[in-house]
Amino acid sequence: MLDTYGSRFVRPVIERGADRLLKWKFTPNEVTVLGGIIGVSVGLFIYNDMLWTAVLLLWVSGLFDVLDGTMARRTQKTGYGTVLDLVFDRIVEIAVVIALALRHPEHMPIFLLLLGSFVVAMTLFLAVGASSSRRSEKSFYYQPGILERTECFILFTLMILFPTWIGVIATIFVVLEVATILQRLFEARRILR
């Protein structure tokens, strides 16, 4: 929700950052890969109990994830850039969940459910995006949802920084993910008729 409805508030800052990176001759795909590498490193910092570093790097990777798309829209969008972006997003999320699961194996069942919900949510997201004739400023139709990238990062941050509440937070995460899946499924039924 925050990505869909809050982006207009941060857009001027993001656009300036994207312009700066383009001026420094970075390509959108380079920024995607850099953000992905930073994001994957978050798992290593979580595993090694460097929690504040993990949170900082998580949000830096998220910033790069926003900047790459803005850069692509200012230069030349490519299908490959979209694929690269989506794949690295999932790799980062998986790295965070695996690291949390390894640090807190007593909550393994809820982490497995969370990963499963990611698979279903992304399958639905991509299927609707590919099937829809709707287009946005992005490469294909992005369904808004209760949980979008920013909400996921907020929940990841809470799980990283408050390990005594990790089971509760992860359960809330799964419930919100399932609600988002249902929301998008009902919307898909409506728009794909």
C-alpha atoms as a PDB file:
ATOM      1  CA  MET A   1       0.000   0.000   0.000  1.00  0.00           C
ATOM      2  CA  LEU A   2       2.755   2.424   0.924  1.00  0.00           C
ATOM      3  CA  ASP A   3       4.487   1.945  -2.430  1.00  0.00           C
ATOM      4  CA  THR A   4       1.290   2.642  -4.359  1.00  0.00           C
ATOM      5  CA  TYR A   5      -0.073   5.512  -2.308  1.00  0.00           C
ATOM      6  CA  GLY A   6       3.034   7.022  -0.738  1.00  0.00           C
ATOM      7  CA  SER A   7       5.403   7.143  -3.696  1.00  0.00           C
ATOM      8  CA  ARG A   8       4.406  10.662  -4.698  1.00  0.00           C
ATOM      9  CA  PHE A   9       5.830  11.981  -1.423  1.00  0.00           C
ATOM     10  CA  VAL A  10       9.315  10.555  -1.986  1.00  0.00           C
ATOM     11  CA  ARG A  11       9.365  10.789  -5.780  1.00  0.00           C
ATOM     12  CA  PRO A  12      11.301  14.116  -5.944  1.00  0.00           C
ATOM     13  CA  VAL A  13      14.122  12.706  -3.798  1.00  0.00           C
ATOM     14  CA  ILE A  14      14.202   9.460  -5.778  1.00  0.00           C
ATOM     15  CA  GLU A  15      14.284  11.331  -9.078  1.00  0.00           C
ATOM     16  CA  ARG A  16      17.236  13.439  -7.922  1.00  0.00           C
ATOM     17  CA  GLY A  17      19.060  10.294  -6.798  1.00  0.00           C
ATOM     18  CA  ALA A  18      18.355   8.561 -10.106  1.00  0.00           C
ATOM     19  CA  ASP A  19      19.584  11.599 -12.049  1.00  0.00           C
ATOM     20  CA  ARG A  20      22.772  11.644  -9.965  1.00  0.00           C
ATOM     21  CA  LEU A  21      23.492   7.969 -10.640  1.00  0.00           C
ATOM     22  CA  LEU A  22      22.846   8.450 -14.362  1.00  0.00           C
ATOM     23  CA  LYS A  23      25.207  11.434 -14.339  1.00  0.00           C
ATOM     24  CA  TRP A  24      27.842   9.178 -12.756  1.00  0.00           C
ATOM     25  CA  LYS A  25      27.306   6.771 -15.689  1.00  0.00           C
ATOM     26  CA  PHE A  26      25.625   3.961 -13.753  1.00  0.00           C
ATOM     27  CA  THR A  27      23.132   1.904 -15.730  1.00  0.00           C
ATOM     28  CA  PRO A  28      19.816   0.783 -14.214  1.00  0.00           C
ATOM     29  CA  ASN A  29      20.920  -2.863 -14.398  1.00  0.00           C
ATOM     30  CA  GLU A  30      24.169  -2.087 -12.551  1.00  0.00           C
ATOM     31  CA  VAL A  31      22.159  -0.434  -9.785  1.00  0.00           C
ATOM     32  CA  THR A  32      19.829  -3.470  -9.679  1.00  0.00           C
ATOM     33  CA  VAL A  33      22.751  -5.854  -9.269  1.00  0.00           C
ATOM     34  CA  LEU A  34      24.465  -3.642  -6.686  1.00  0.00           C
ATOM     35  CA  GLY A  35      21.242  -3.376  -4.689  1.00  0.00           C
ATOM     36  CA  GLY A  36      20.808  -7.141  -4.935  1.00  0.00           C
ATOM     37  CA  ILE A  37      24.320  -7.832  -3.662  1.00  0.00           C
ATOM     38  CA  ILE A  38      23.817  -5.428  -0.769  1.00  0.00           C
ATOM     39  CA  GLY A  39      20.451  -7.041  -0.037  1.00  0.00           C
ATOM     40  CA  VAL A  40      21.849 -10.572  -0.013  1.00  0.00           C
ATOM     41  CA  SER A  41      24.583  -9.439   2.385  1.00  0.00           C
ATOM     42  CA  VAL A  42      21.800  -8.566   4.853  1.00  0.00           C
ATOM     43  CA  GLY A  43      21.364 -12.287   5.470  1.00  0.00           C
ATOM     44  CA  LEU A  44      25.020 -12.607   6.451  1.00  0.00           C
ATOM     45  CA  PHE A  45      24.748  -9.726   8.907  1.00  0.00           C
ATOM     46  CA  ILE A  46      21.569 -11.167  10.428  1.00  0.00           C
ATOM     47  CA  TYR A  47      23.216 -14.553  10.814  1.00  0.00           C
ATOM     48  CA  ASN A  48      26.262 -12.957  12.473  1.00  0.00           C
ATOM     49  CA  ASP A  49      24.043 -10.971  14.885  1.00  0.00           C
ATOM     50  CA  MET A  50      24.978  -7.570  13.408  1.00  0.00           C
ATOM     51  CA  LEU A  51      21.361  -6.473  13.458  1.00  0.00           C
ATOM     52  CA  TRP A  52      21.610  -2.703  12.999  1.00  0.00           C
ATOM     53  CA  THR A  53      24.004  -3.161  10.081  1.00  0.00           C
ATOM     54  CA  ALA A  54      21.564  -5.662   8.581  1.00  0.00           C
ATOM     55  CA  VAL A  55      18.666  -3.204   8.860  1.00  0.00           C
ATOM     56  CA  LEU A  56      20.692  -0.335   7.400  1.00  0.00           C
ATOM     57  CA  LEU A  57      21.797  -2.445   4.433  1.00  0.00           C
ATOM     58  CA  LEU A  58      18.280  -3.790   3.924  1.00  0.00           C
ATOM     59  CA  TRP A  59      16.971  -0.256   3.445  1.00  0.00           C
ATOM     60  CA  VAL A  60      19.950   0.734   1.255  1.00  0.00           C
ATOM     61  CA  SER A  61      19.142  -2.223  -1.005  1.00  0.00           C
ATOM     62  CA  GLY A  62      15.512  -1.067  -1.034  1.00  0.00           C
ATOM     63  CA  LEU A  63      16.607   2.410  -2.055  1.00  0.00           C
ATOM     64  CA  PHE A  64      18.614   0.966  -4.942  1.00  0.00           C
ATOM     65  CA  ASP A  65      15.541  -1.066  -5.917  1.00  0.00           C
ATOM     66  CA  VAL A  66      13.549   2.153  -6.288  1.00  0.00           C
ATOM     67  CA  LEU A  67      16.359   4.058  -8.008  1.00  0.00           C
ATOM     68  CA  ASP A  68      16.941   1.451 -10.733  1.00  0.00           C
ATOM     69  CA  GLY A  69      13.356   1.611 -11.957  1.00  0.00           C
ATOM     70  CA  THR A  70      13.364   5.406 -11.994  1.00  0.00           C
ATOM     71  CA  MET A  71      16.640   5.357 -13.913  1.00  0.00           C
ATOM     72  CA  ALA A  72      15.210   2.877 -16.435  1.00  0.00           C
ATOM     73  CA  ARG A  73      12.149   5.039 -17.034  1.00  0.00           C
ATOM     74  CA  ARG A  74      14.438   8.031 -17.678  1.00  0.00           C
ATOM     75  CA  THR A  75      16.626   6.143 -20.143  1.00  0.00           C
ATOM     76  CA  GLN A  76      15.442   2.957 -21.807  1.00  0.00           C
ATOM     77  CA  LYS A  77      13.276   0.325 -20.140  1.00  0.00           C
ATOM     78  CA  THR A  78      14.062  -3.233 -21.116  1.00  0.00           C
ATOM     79  CA  GLY A  79      12.296  -6.492 -20.454  1.00  0.00           C
ATOM     80  CA  TYR A  80      15.567  -7.902 -19.179  1.00  0.00           C
ATOM     81  CA  GLY A  81      15.868  -5.071 -16.645  1.00  0.00           C
ATOM     82  CA  THR A  82      12.394  -5.885 -15.343  1.00  0.00           C
ATOM     83  CA  VAL A  83      13.286  -9.565 -15.011  1.00  0.00           C
ATOM     84  CA  LEU A  84      16.581  -8.749 -13.276  1.00  0.00           C
ATOM     85  CA  ASP A  85      14.791  -6.440 -10.849  1.00  0.00           C
ATOM     86  CA  LEU A  86      12.096  -8.967  -9.932  1.00  0.00           C
ATOM     87  CA  VAL A  87      14.595 -11.812  -9.516  1.00  0.00           C
ATOM     88  CA  PHE A  88      16.928  -9.820  -7.274  1.00  0.00           C
ATOM     89  CA  ASP A  89      13.972  -8.632  -5.183  1.00  0.00           C
ATOM     90  CA  ARG A  90      13.033 -12.241  -4.469  1.00  0.00           C
ATOM     91  CA  ILE A  91      16.634 -13.293  -3.803  1.00  0.00           C
ATOM     92  CA  VAL A  92      16.971 -10.538  -1.195  1.00  0.00           C
ATOM     93  CA  GLU A  93      13.713 -11.523   0.503  1.00  0.00           C
ATOM     94  CA  ILE A  94      14.697 -15.198   0.528  1.00  0.00           C
ATOM     95  CA  ALA A  95      18.154 -14.379   1.936  1.00  0.00           C
ATOM     96  CA  VAL A  96      16.577 -12.428   4.800  1.00  0.00           C
ATOM     97  CA  VAL A  97      14.048 -15.152   5.646  1.00  0.00           C
ATOM     98  CA  ILE A  98      16.662 -17.939   5.477  1.00  0.00           C
ATOM     99  CA  ALA A  99      19.011 -15.990   7.756  1.00  0.00           C
ATOM    100  CA  LEU A 100      16.201 -15.337  10.242  1.00  0.00           C
ATOM    101  CA  ALA A 101      15.199 -19.014  10.128  1.00  0.00           C
ATOM    102  CA  LEU A 102      18.772 -20.128  10.760  1.00  0.00           C
ATOM    103  CA  ARG A 103      19.090 -17.717  13.703  1.00  0.00           C
ATOM    104  CA  HIS A 104      15.699 -18.748  15.105  1.00  0.00           C
ATOM    105  CA  PRO A 105      15.125 -22.410  14.139  1.00  0.00           C
ATOM    106  CA  GLU A 106      12.377 -22.737  16.753  1.00  0.00           C
ATOM    107  CA  HIS A 107      10.191 -20.686  14.380  1.00  0.00           C
ATOM    108  CA  MET A 108      11.022 -22.726  11.262  1.00  0.00           C
ATOM    109  CA  PRO A 109       7.373 -23.673  10.486  1.00  0.00           C
ATOM    110  CA  ILE A 110       6.250 -20.037  10.262  1.00  0.00           C
ATOM    111  CA  PHE A 111       9.291 -19.141   8.132  1.00  0.00           C
ATOM    112  CA  LEU A 112       8.429 -21.986   5.746  1.00  0.00           C
ATOM    113  CA  LEU A 113       4.854 -20.698   5.529  1.00  0.00           C
ATOM    114  CA  LEU A 114       6.203 -17.201   4.871  1.00  0.00           C
ATOM    115  CA  LEU A 115       8.413 -18.439   2.026  1.00  0.00           C
ATOM    116  CA  GLY A 116       5.478 -20.409   0.603  1.00  0.00           C
ATOM    117  CA  SER A 117       3.270 -17.316   0.736  1.00  0.00           C
ATOM    118  CA  PHE A 118       5.978 -15.385  -1.152  1.00  0.00           C
ATOM    119  CA  VAL A 119       5.899 -17.991  -3.920  1.00  0.00           C
ATOM    120  CA  VAL A 120       2.110 -17.868  -4.254  1.00  0.00           C
ATOM    121  CA  ALA A 121       1.990 -14.056  -4.045  1.00  0.00           C
ATOM    122  CA  MET A 122       4.681 -13.618  -6.693  1.00  0.00           C
ATOM    123  CA  THR A 123       3.107 -16.214  -8.983  1.00  0.00           C
ATOM    124  CA  LEU A 124      -0.213 -14.393  -8.806  1.00  0.00           C
ATOM    125  CA  PHE A 125       1.454 -10.991  -9.213  1.00  0.00           C
ATOM    126  CA  LEU A 126       3.353 -12.083 -12.321  1.00  0.00           C
ATOM    127  CA  ALA A 127       0.416 -13.975 -13.830  1.00  0.00           C
ATOM    128  CA  VAL A 128      -1.891 -10.975 -13.525  1.00  0.00           C
ATOM    129  CA  GLY A 129       0.817  -8.621 -14.764  1.00  0.00           C
ATOM    130  CA  ALA A 130       1.443 -10.788 -17.818  1.00  0.00           C
ATOM    131  CA  SER A 131      -2.265 -11.425 -18.515  1.00  0.00           C
ATOM    132  CA  SER A 132      -3.526  -7.897 -18.049  1.00  0.00           C
ATOM    133  CA  SER A 133      -3.886  -5.466 -20.888  1.00  0.00           C
ATOM    134  CA  ARG A 134      -3.454  -2.677 -18.357  1.00  0.00           C
ATOM    135  CA  ARG A 135      -0.137  -0.905 -18.325  1.00  0.00           C
ATOM    136  CA  SER A 136       1.486   1.478 -15.907  1.00  0.00           C
ATOM    137  CA  GLU A 137       4.623   3.560 -16.050  1.00  0.00           C
ATOM    138  CA  LYS A 138       6.396   0.308 -15.200  1.00  0.00           C
ATOM    139  CA  SER A 139       6.992  -2.556 -17.638  1.00  0.00           C
ATOM    140  CA  PHE A 140       3.711  -4.300 -16.870  1.00  0.00           C
ATOM    141  CA  TYR A 141       0.684  -3.950 -14.643  1.00  0.00           C
ATOM    142  CA  TYR A 142       1.583  -3.874 -10.950  1.00  0.00           C
ATOM    143  CA  GLN A 143      -1.375  -4.756  -8.763  1.00  0.00           C
ATOM    144  CA  PRO A 144      -1.513  -2.663  -5.618  1.00  0.00           C
ATOM    145  CA  GLY A 145      -1.768  -4.713  -2.469  1.00  0.00           C
ATOM    146  CA  ILE A 146      -1.986  -4.609   1.293  1.00  0.00           C
ATOM    147  CA  LEU A 147       1.637  -5.775   1.411  1.00  0.00           C
ATOM    148  CA  GLU A 148       4.054  -4.215  -1.003  1.00  0.00           C
ATOM    149  CA  ARG A 149       7.832  -3.910  -0.811  1.00  0.00           C
ATOM    150  CA  THR A 150       7.915  -1.172   1.844  1.00  0.00           C
ATOM    151  CA  GLU A 151       5.583  -3.037   4.194  1.00  0.00           C
ATOM    152  CA  CYS A 152       7.730  -6.155   3.766  1.00  0.00           C
ATOM    153  CA  PHE A 153      10.840  -4.174   4.678  1.00  0.00           C
ATOM    154  CA  ILE A 154       9.100  -2.750   7.744  1.00  0.00           C
ATOM    155  CA  LEU A 155       8.141  -6.260   8.879  1.00  0.00           C
ATOM    156  CA  PHE A 156      11.652  -7.567   8.152  1.00  0.00           C
ATOM    157  CA  THR A 157      13.074  -4.693  10.190  1.00  0.00           C
ATOM    158  CA  LEU A 158      10.807  -5.522  13.126  1.00  0.00           C
ATOM    159  CA  MET A 159      11.762  -9.214  12.948  1.00  0.00           C
ATOM    160  CA  ILE A 160      15.467  -8.367  12.832  1.00  0.00           C
ATOM    161  CA  LEU A 161      15.431  -5.847  15.682  1.00  0.00           C
ATOM    162  CA  PHE A 162      12.913  -7.550  17.995  1.00  0.00           C
ATOM    163  CA  PRO A 163      13.879 -11.228  17.985  1.00  0.00           C
ATOM    164  CA  THR A 164      11.801 -12.014  21.078  1.00  0.00           C
ATOM    165  CA  TRP A 165       8.698 -11.113  19.041  1.00  0.00           C
ATOM    166  CA  ILE A 166       9.842 -12.744  15.825  1.00  0.00           C
ATOM    167  CA  GLY A 167       7.245 -15.537  15.877  1.00  0.00           C
ATOM    168  CA  VAL A 168       4.386 -13.094  16.358  1.00  0.00           C
ATOM    169  CA  ILE A 169       5.695 -10.676  13.720  1.00  0.00           C
ATOM    170  CA  ALA A 170       6.289 -13.497  11.223  1.00  0.00           C
ATOM    171  CA  THR A 171       2.755 -14.788  11.836  1.00  0.00           C
ATOM    172  CA  ILE A 172       1.334 -11.308  11.203  1.00  0.00           C
ATOM    173  CA  PHE A 173       3.490 -11.185   8.059  1.00  0.00           C
ATOM    174  CA  VAL A 174       1.988 -14.480   6.794  1.00  0.00           C
ATOM    175  CA  VAL A 175      -1.565 -13.334   7.576  1.00  0.00           C
ATOM    176  CA  LEU A 176      -1.022 -10.048   5.703  1.00  0.00           C
ATOM    177  CA  GLU A 177       0.586 -11.909   2.807  1.00  0.00           C
ATOM    178  CA  VAL A 178      -2.435 -14.239   2.542  1.00  0.00           C
ATOM    179  CA  ALA A 179      -4.784 -11.231   2.721  1.00  0.00           C
ATOM    180  CA  THR A 180      -2.807  -9.602  -0.107  1.00  0.00           C
ATOM    181  CA  ILE A 181      -3.015 -12.804  -2.159  1.00  0.00           C
ATOM    182  CA  LEU A 182      -6.795 -12.905  -1.718  1.00  0.00           C
ATOM    183  CA  GLN A 183      -7.104  -9.189  -2.492  1.00  0.00           C
ATOM    184  CA  ARG A 184      -5.121  -9.597  -5.718  1.00  0.00           C
ATOM    185  CA  LEU A 185      -6.978 -12.767  -6.648  1.00  0.00           C
ATOM    186  CA  PHE A 186     -10.354 -11.019  -6.394  1.00  0.00           C
ATOM    187  CA  GLU A 187      -9.010  -8.055  -8.359  1.00  0.00           C
ATOM    188  CA  ALA A 188      -7.624 -10.425 -10.995  1.00  0.00           C
ATOM    189  CA  ARG A 189     -11.039 -12.017 -11.377  1.00  0.00           C
ATOM    190  CA  ARG A 190     -12.536  -8.575 -11.929  1.00  0.00           C
ATOM    191  CA  ILE A 191      -9.988  -7.171 -14.393  1.00  0.00           C
ATOM    192  CA  LEU A 192      -9.319 -10.337 -16.401  1.00  0.00           C
ATOM    193  CA  ARG A 193     -12.951 -11.142 -17.277  1.00  0.00           C
END
